[in-house]
């Protein structure tokens, strides 16, 4: 009897090729496309932008029909707004910089996928992510995708053991150029040339400040302008409101100090943004909360040596992690720049994901 797989499809090349491979491997595939947010009309180019456009959903549906499997569109706009968008806004209002893709993967995508898979009696769920799943004596964890430039494990560290044991990543052992070639060889030339979307799905213009102003105008107005200060408290300028700034930001400050100035700290309580030099951004360690462990069920008291990524495109810094009640304490062997509360820290042993969590506080 064929194993049934519920495949998350965006209409893009990765999830589409994942569907082709699963079908060829003998799985019975059922496609599903999320509608998480209403796409917006770009007045300059007169078409919808973002990942949740009607066009992208229809592309996923048409591809499913060509490959001979069922497809449905799942309307998740309400739950997406109540969880992902609310968390995004709340984090900025707390003076932190959120990572919505991480929260969406664990809370929305996998949560809804597993639930729908159960309703359809699917054995597995699948996506087009570049990652691999390792099963070591019944313990499931992620390993980086073979294509280092496309690896997406940084965004997937929040998946649970139950999530991982039900998940297939057909593209984890392939490189992007091979994926494009495979699509073309199967007659999907236009798909093989399709460009990828890089922006946050619900902010296709990449202007999060505009988004915050539109989403919570009264709160943004109430926060109002505040002070740019130096470490000694000296006021050196006026800013537009602390939610509009992120750690490490240099451009758009409108302050002349005689040297390159960077945002080095944000105090939501006093609506102050601290400026400093590039060296002032260096951090020796930090505390991580909302921890999800993958490779091991606990971190030993003496700590564990890992490579620590604090951003997606970050090569990582070697250090040690230690249990700290429900949190983890991170000691870096070498200082890292612009460690940002609200962002994710993900821990690796070579290609294996040990786990990860949200950066709560930084030690300089």
Protein backbone atom coordinates (compact mmCIF):
# COMPACT_ATOMS: atom_id res chain seq x y z
CA UNK A 1 0.00 0.00 0.00
CA UNK A 2 1.34 3.45 -0.96
CA UNK A 3 2.29 5.82 1.83
CA UNK A 4 0.26 9.05 1.76
CA UNK A 5 2.08 12.38 1.98
CA UNK A 6 0.64 15.85 2.53
CA UNK A 7 2.90 18.24 0.62
CA UNK A 8 3.03 21.96 1.41
CA UNK A 9 3.19 23.79 -1.93
CA UNK A 10 3.92 27.47 -2.55
CA UNK A 11 3.85 27.41 -6.32
CA UNK A 12 7.64 27.85 -6.37
CA UNK A 13 10.26 25.54 -7.78
CA UNK A 14 11.37 23.87 -4.54
CA UNK A 15 8.03 22.54 -3.32
CA UNK A 16 7.06 21.70 -6.92
CA UNK A 17 10.14 19.54 -7.50
CA UNK A 18 9.61 17.97 -4.08
CA UNK A 19 6.18 16.90 -5.34
CA UNK A 20 7.67 15.44 -8.52
CA UNK A 21 10.22 13.43 -6.56
CA UNK A 22 7.68 12.11 -4.08
CA UNK A 23 5.40 10.97 -6.89
CA UNK A 24 8.30 9.25 -8.66
CA UNK A 25 9.27 7.53 -5.41
CA UNK A 26 5.83 5.96 -5.21
CA UNK A 27 4.14 8.13 -2.59
CA UNK A 28 0.50 9.10 -2.88
CA UNK A 29 0.75 12.89 -2.74
CA UNK A 30 -1.92 15.35 -1.63
CA UNK A 31 -0.92 19.00 -2.14
CA UNK A 32 -1.89 21.86 0.12
CA UNK A 33 -1.20 25.59 -0.24
CA UNK A 34 -1.57 28.00 2.66
CA UNK A 35 -3.29 31.32 2.39
CA UNK A 36 -1.77 33.13 5.32
CA UNK A 37 -2.00 36.74 4.30
CA UNK A 38 -3.78 38.87 1.70
CA UNK A 39 -1.32 39.79 -1.01
CA UNK A 40 -0.97 43.46 -1.84
CA UNK A 41 -1.27 45.28 -5.15
CA UNK A 42 1.95 47.05 -6.13
CA UNK A 43 0.80 50.30 -7.74
CA UNK A 44 4.08 50.67 -9.63
CA UNK A 45 3.98 47.32 -11.40
CA UNK A 46 0.20 46.71 -11.28
CA UNK A 47 0.38 43.19 -9.97
CA UNK A 48 0.20 41.34 -6.71
CA UNK A 49 3.39 40.83 -4.76
CA UNK A 50 4.32 38.54 -1.91
CA UNK A 51 4.15 34.76 -1.59
CA UNK A 52 0.42 34.41 -0.96
CA UNK A 53 -0.80 35.73 -4.28
CA UNK A 54 -3.69 34.20 -6.16
CA UNK A 55 -1.25 33.48 -9.01
CA UNK A 56 1.09 31.46 -6.79
CA UNK A 57 -1.80 29.45 -5.34
CA UNK A 58 -3.13 28.72 -8.81
CA UNK A 59 0.33 27.70 -10.00
CA UNK A 60 0.51 25.15 -7.19
CA UNK A 61 -2.96 23.87 -8.11
CA UNK A 62 -2.11 23.56 -11.82
CA UNK A 63 1.12 21.72 -11.08
CA UNK A 64 -0.70 19.27 -8.83
CA UNK A 65 -3.17 18.56 -11.63
CA UNK A 66 -0.35 17.96 -14.13
CA UNK A 67 1.32 15.53 -11.74
CA UNK A 68 -1.94 13.77 -11.04
CA UNK A 69 -2.58 14.42 -7.38
CA UNK A 70 -5.18 16.32 -5.39
CA UNK A 71 -4.63 19.86 -4.17
CA UNK A 72 -6.42 22.18 -1.75
CA UNK A 73 -6.01 25.72 -0.45
CA UNK A 74 -6.05 26.11 3.31
CA UNK A 75 -7.18 29.50 4.61
CA UNK A 76 -5.02 30.29 7.65
CA UNK A 77 -5.33 34.08 7.58
CA UNK A 78 -7.08 34.34 10.92
CA UNK A 79 -4.67 32.16 12.90
CA UNK A 80 -1.69 33.70 11.09
CA UNK A 81 -2.78 37.19 12.11
CA UNK A 82 -3.43 36.15 15.73
CA UNK A 83 -0.07 34.41 16.12
CA UNK A 84 2.64 35.40 13.62
CA UNK A 85 1.67 39.01 12.94
CA UNK A 86 0.78 39.64 16.58
CA UNK A 87 4.13 38.22 17.71
CA UNK A 88 5.94 40.28 15.06
CA UNK A 89 4.34 43.52 16.24
CA UNK A 90 4.63 42.68 19.95
CA UNK A 91 8.35 41.95 19.66
CA UNK A 92 9.09 45.29 18.01
CA UNK A 93 7.01 47.05 20.67
CA UNK A 94 9.22 45.36 23.29
CA UNK A 95 12.33 46.74 21.59
CA UNK A 96 13.34 43.40 20.08
CA UNK A 97 13.79 42.27 16.48
CA UNK A 98 11.63 39.22 15.66
CA UNK A 99 12.21 36.34 13.27
CA UNK A 100 8.69 35.52 12.00
CA UNK A 101 9.73 32.60 9.77
CA UNK A 102 10.95 30.58 12.77
CA UNK A 103 7.68 31.06 14.65
CA UNK A 104 5.61 30.40 11.55
CA UNK A 105 7.33 27.09 10.80
CA UNK A 106 6.70 25.57 14.21
CA UNK A 107 3.38 27.21 15.12
CA UNK A 108 1.57 27.57 11.81
CA UNK A 109 3.08 25.47 9.04
CA UNK A 110 3.85 22.28 10.92
CA UNK A 111 1.00 22.72 13.37
CA UNK A 112 -1.59 23.05 10.62
CA UNK A 113 0.11 20.48 8.36
CA UNK A 114 0.12 17.77 11.01
CA UNK A 115 -3.52 18.46 11.87
CA UNK A 116 -4.61 18.33 8.21
CA UNK A 117 -2.45 15.25 7.58
CA UNK A 118 -4.26 13.44 10.38
CA UNK A 119 -7.64 14.39 8.93
CA UNK A 120 -6.60 13.01 5.52
CA UNK A 121 -4.96 9.88 6.96
CA UNK A 122 -1.55 10.91 5.59
CA UNK A 123 1.47 9.07 6.96
CA UNK A 124 3.86 11.95 6.37
CA UNK A 125 4.06 15.64 5.63
CA UNK A 126 6.64 17.11 3.25
CA UNK A 127 8.01 20.51 2.25
CA UNK A 128 10.61 21.87 -0.17
CA UNK A 129 13.02 22.98 2.54
CA UNK A 130 16.74 22.33 2.18
CA UNK A 131 17.41 20.23 5.26
CA UNK A 132 17.93 16.59 6.22
CA UNK A 133 16.43 14.56 9.05
CA UNK A 134 18.55 12.08 11.01
CA UNK A 135 17.05 9.29 13.11
CA UNK A 136 19.58 8.12 15.69
CA UNK A 137 18.15 5.42 17.95
CA UNK A 138 14.72 7.00 17.86
CA UNK A 139 16.00 10.55 18.44
CA UNK A 140 15.23 12.78 15.48
CA UNK A 141 17.23 15.88 14.59
CA UNK A 142 18.04 18.08 11.64
CA UNK A 143 21.25 18.16 9.64
CA UNK A 144 22.16 20.87 7.16
CA UNK A 145 21.08 20.46 3.56
CA UNK A 146 23.81 19.36 1.16
CA UNK A 147 23.63 22.76 -0.54
CA UNK A 148 25.28 24.95 2.10
CA UNK A 149 24.12 28.12 0.32
CA UNK A 150 20.47 27.05 0.55
CA UNK A 151 20.46 25.28 3.93
CA UNK A 152 17.36 26.27 5.91
CA UNK A 153 17.90 24.49 9.22
CA UNK A 154 18.30 27.87 10.93
CA UNK A 155 14.57 28.49 10.43
CA UNK A 156 13.53 24.96 11.42
CA UNK A 157 15.16 24.45 14.82
CA UNK A 158 11.78 24.82 16.56
CA UNK A 159 10.34 21.58 15.15
CA UNK A 160 9.48 18.96 17.75
CA UNK A 161 10.30 15.26 17.80
CA UNK A 162 6.73 14.51 16.72
CA UNK A 163 7.09 16.96 13.84
CA UNK A 164 10.36 15.49 12.65
CA UNK A 165 9.29 11.85 12.73
CA UNK A 166 6.36 12.70 10.41
CA UNK A 167 8.34 14.92 8.00
CA UNK A 168 10.06 14.30 4.66
CA UNK A 169 12.51 16.75 3.04
CA UNK A 170 12.98 15.44 -0.53
CA UNK A 171 15.46 18.21 -1.44
CA UNK A 172 17.81 17.88 1.53
CA UNK A 173 20.38 15.87 -0.39
CA UNK A 174 20.30 17.99 -3.55
CA UNK A 175 21.80 21.29 -4.70
CA UNK A 176 19.77 24.14 -6.17
CA UNK A 177 21.24 23.91 -9.68
CA UNK A 178 20.30 20.23 -9.75
CA UNK A 179 16.74 21.12 -8.70
CA UNK A 180 16.41 23.56 -11.60
CA UNK A 181 17.82 20.99 -14.02
CA UNK A 182 15.39 18.34 -12.78
CA UNK A 183 12.41 20.65 -13.31
CA UNK A 184 13.54 21.46 -16.86
CA UNK A 185 14.16 17.78 -17.68
CA UNK A 186 10.59 16.98 -16.64
CA UNK A 187 9.19 19.58 -19.00
CA UNK A 188 8.74 22.46 -16.54
CA UNK A 189 11.17 24.89 -18.18
CA UNK A 190 9.37 28.05 -17.06
CA UNK A 191 9.31 26.76 -13.48
CA UNK A 192 13.04 25.97 -13.63
CA UNK A 193 13.78 29.63 -14.39
CA UNK A 194 11.49 31.07 -11.72
CA UNK A 195 13.07 33.58 -9.33
CA UNK A 196 12.80 33.18 -5.59
CA UNK A 197 11.08 35.49 -3.13
CA UNK A 198 13.37 36.87 -0.41
CA UNK A 199 11.13 39.22 1.56
CA UNK A 200 8.99 38.53 4.62
CA UNK A 201 5.80 37.11 3.13
CA UNK A 202 3.48 39.69 4.69
CA UNK A 203 5.83 42.63 4.00
CA UNK A 204 6.62 42.30 0.27
CA UNK A 205 8.01 45.85 0.10
CA UNK A 206 10.47 45.02 2.92
CA UNK A 207 9.41 48.15 4.81
CA UNK A 208 8.61 46.86 8.30
CA UNK A 209 8.35 50.42 9.63
CA UNK A 210 5.51 51.13 7.23
CA UNK A 211 3.91 47.84 8.23
CA UNK A 212 4.05 48.64 11.96
CA UNK A 213 2.59 52.10 11.34
CA UNK A 214 -0.28 50.60 9.35
CA UNK A 215 -0.89 47.74 11.77
CA UNK A 216 -0.82 49.58 15.11
CA UNK A 217 -0.98 53.31 14.27
CA UNK A 218 -2.23 54.43 17.67
CA UNK A 219 0.54 52.65 19.58
CA UNK A 220 3.21 53.97 17.23
CA UNK A 221 1.83 57.50 17.60
CA UNK A 222 1.72 57.14 21.39
CA UNK A 223 5.37 56.03 21.51
CA UNK A 224 6.41 59.04 19.45
CA UNK A 225 9.88 60.48 19.20
CA UNK A 226 12.64 59.72 21.69
CA UNK A 227 16.29 60.38 22.43
CA UNK A 228 19.41 59.05 20.79
CA UNK A 229 21.91 58.69 23.64
CA UNK A 230 25.50 57.56 24.16
CA UNK A 231 26.60 55.03 26.76
CA UNK A 232 27.14 57.80 29.34
CA UNK A 233 23.57 59.05 28.86
CA UNK A 234 24.46 62.10 26.78
CA UNK A 235 21.66 63.01 24.37
CA UNK A 236 22.94 63.36 20.80
CA UNK A 237 19.76 63.52 18.75
CA UNK A 238 16.10 62.66 18.34
CA UNK A 239 14.74 59.46 16.79
CA UNK A 240 11.34 58.58 15.35
CA UNK A 241 10.42 55.96 17.95
CA UNK A 242 12.35 52.91 19.21
CA UNK A 243 10.36 50.28 17.21
CA UNK A 244 11.84 51.72 14.03
CA UNK A 245 15.39 50.69 14.92
CA UNK A 246 17.35 47.44 15.19
CA UNK A 247 20.67 46.51 16.77
CA UNK A 248 23.54 47.11 14.37
CA UNK A 249 21.63 49.64 12.26
CA UNK A 250 23.80 52.37 10.77
CA UNK A 251 21.80 53.90 7.93
CA UNK A 252 18.91 56.31 8.39
CA UNK A 253 19.91 57.55 11.85
CA UNK A 254 20.25 61.20 10.87
CA UNK A 255 22.93 61.83 13.52
CA UNK A 256 26.43 63.18 12.90
CA UNK A 257 28.91 62.20 15.63
CA UNK A 258 32.14 62.58 13.67
CA UNK A 259 32.47 58.79 13.38
CA UNK A 260 30.26 55.98 12.04
CA UNK A 261 27.45 55.48 14.57
CA UNK A 262 25.51 52.26 15.12
CA UNK A 263 22.49 51.30 17.20
CA UNK A 264 23.95 49.31 20.09
CA UNK A 265 20.99 49.10 22.49
CA UNK A 266 17.25 49.81 22.61
CA UNK A 267 15.32 50.65 25.78
CA UNK A 268 11.59 50.35 25.17
CA UNK A 269 10.77 51.54 28.70
CA UNK A 270 12.33 54.95 28.19
CA UNK A 271 12.03 55.15 24.39
CA UNK A 272 15.77 55.66 24.08
CA UNK A 273 18.10 54.28 21.42
CA UNK A 274 21.76 54.02 22.38
CA UNK A 275 24.40 54.74 19.75
CA UNK A 276 28.03 53.71 19.71
CA UNK A 277 30.93 52.57 17.57
CA UNK A 278 31.21 49.31 15.68
CA UNK A 279 33.35 47.94 18.51
CA UNK A 280 30.52 48.65 20.96
CA UNK A 281 28.43 46.07 19.10
CA UNK A 282 30.77 43.24 20.12
CA UNK A 283 29.27 40.70 22.51
CA UNK A 284 31.01 37.96 24.49
CA UNK A 285 27.91 35.89 25.17
CA UNK A 286 24.18 35.89 25.72
CA UNK A 287 21.20 34.07 27.20
CA UNK A 288 18.78 32.06 25.08
CA UNK A 289 15.17 31.30 26.01
CA UNK A 290 12.31 29.38 24.38
CA UNK A 291 14.83 26.58 23.87
CA UNK A 292 14.12 23.58 21.67
CA UNK A 293 16.71 20.79 21.75
CA UNK A 294 17.00 18.34 18.87
CA UNK A 295 20.11 16.17 18.83
CA UNK A 296 20.17 15.68 22.62
CA UNK A 297 17.40 15.75 25.19
CA UNK A 298 19.52 17.88 27.53
CA UNK A 299 22.77 19.84 27.68
CA UNK A 300 25.33 18.55 30.23
CA UNK A 301 26.13 20.74 33.24
CA UNK A 302 29.75 21.10 32.08
CA UNK A 303 28.49 22.57 28.82
CA UNK A 304 28.76 21.56 25.20
CA UNK A 305 31.02 22.97 22.50
CA UNK A 306 29.02 24.08 19.46
CA UNK A 307 29.05 26.41 16.50
CA UNK A 308 26.59 29.24 17.18
CA UNK A 309 24.71 31.02 14.40
CA UNK A 310 22.99 34.27 15.39
CA UNK A 311 21.71 35.09 11.88
CA UNK A 312 20.71 33.05 8.87
CA UNK A 313 23.62 34.22 6.70
CA UNK A 314 26.04 33.98 9.60
CA UNK A 315 28.91 31.46 9.41
CA UNK A 316 28.73 30.98 13.14
CA UNK A 317 31.06 31.44 16.10
CA UNK A 318 32.46 28.62 18.22
CA UNK A 319 31.59 28.61 21.91
CA UNK A 320 29.98 26.63 24.71
CA UNK A 321 26.39 26.40 25.85
CA UNK A 322 25.38 25.67 29.44
CA UNK A 323 22.01 24.86 31.01
CA UNK A 324 20.60 27.82 32.94
CA UNK A 325 17.27 26.68 34.39
CA UNK A 326 14.89 26.73 31.42
CA UNK A 327 17.33 28.81 29.39
CA UNK A 328 20.80 28.31 27.96
CA UNK A 329 23.83 30.45 28.71
CA UNK A 330 26.13 31.01 25.75
CA UNK A 331 29.85 31.79 26.07
CA UNK A 332 31.56 32.70 22.80
CA UNK A 333 35.24 31.94 22.19
CA UNK A 334 35.44 35.10 20.09
CA UNK A 335 33.22 38.18 20.23
CA UNK A 336 30.32 38.36 17.79
CA UNK A 337 28.90 41.60 16.38
CA UNK A 338 25.32 42.84 16.67
CA UNK A 339 23.84 40.05 18.78
CA UNK A 340 20.18 40.99 18.64
CA UNK A 341 17.50 40.19 21.25
CA UNK A 342 14.49 38.60 19.57
CA UNK A 343 16.55 36.92 16.89
CA UNK A 344 17.30 33.20 16.92
CA UNK A 345 20.51 31.49 17.98
CA UNK A 346 20.95 28.01 16.53
CA UNK A 347 23.60 25.56 17.73
CA UNK A 348 25.44 23.09 15.52
CA UNK A 349 27.84 20.18 15.85
CA UNK A 350 29.31 20.16 12.36
CA UNK A 351 26.18 19.77 10.19
CA UNK A 352 23.92 18.54 13.00
CA UNK A 353 21.44 20.84 14.72
CA UNK A 354 21.79 20.57 18.50
CA UNK A 355 18.93 23.02 19.03
CA UNK A 356 18.17 26.69 19.27
CA UNK A 357 16.17 29.45 20.90
CA UNK A 358 15.51 33.18 21.11
CA UNK A 359 18.20 35.60 22.24
CA UNK A 360 16.99 37.28 25.45
CA UNK A 361 19.93 39.35 26.69
CA UNK A 362 23.50 40.10 25.62
CA UNK A 363 26.73 40.23 27.61
CA UNK A 364 29.33 42.70 26.31
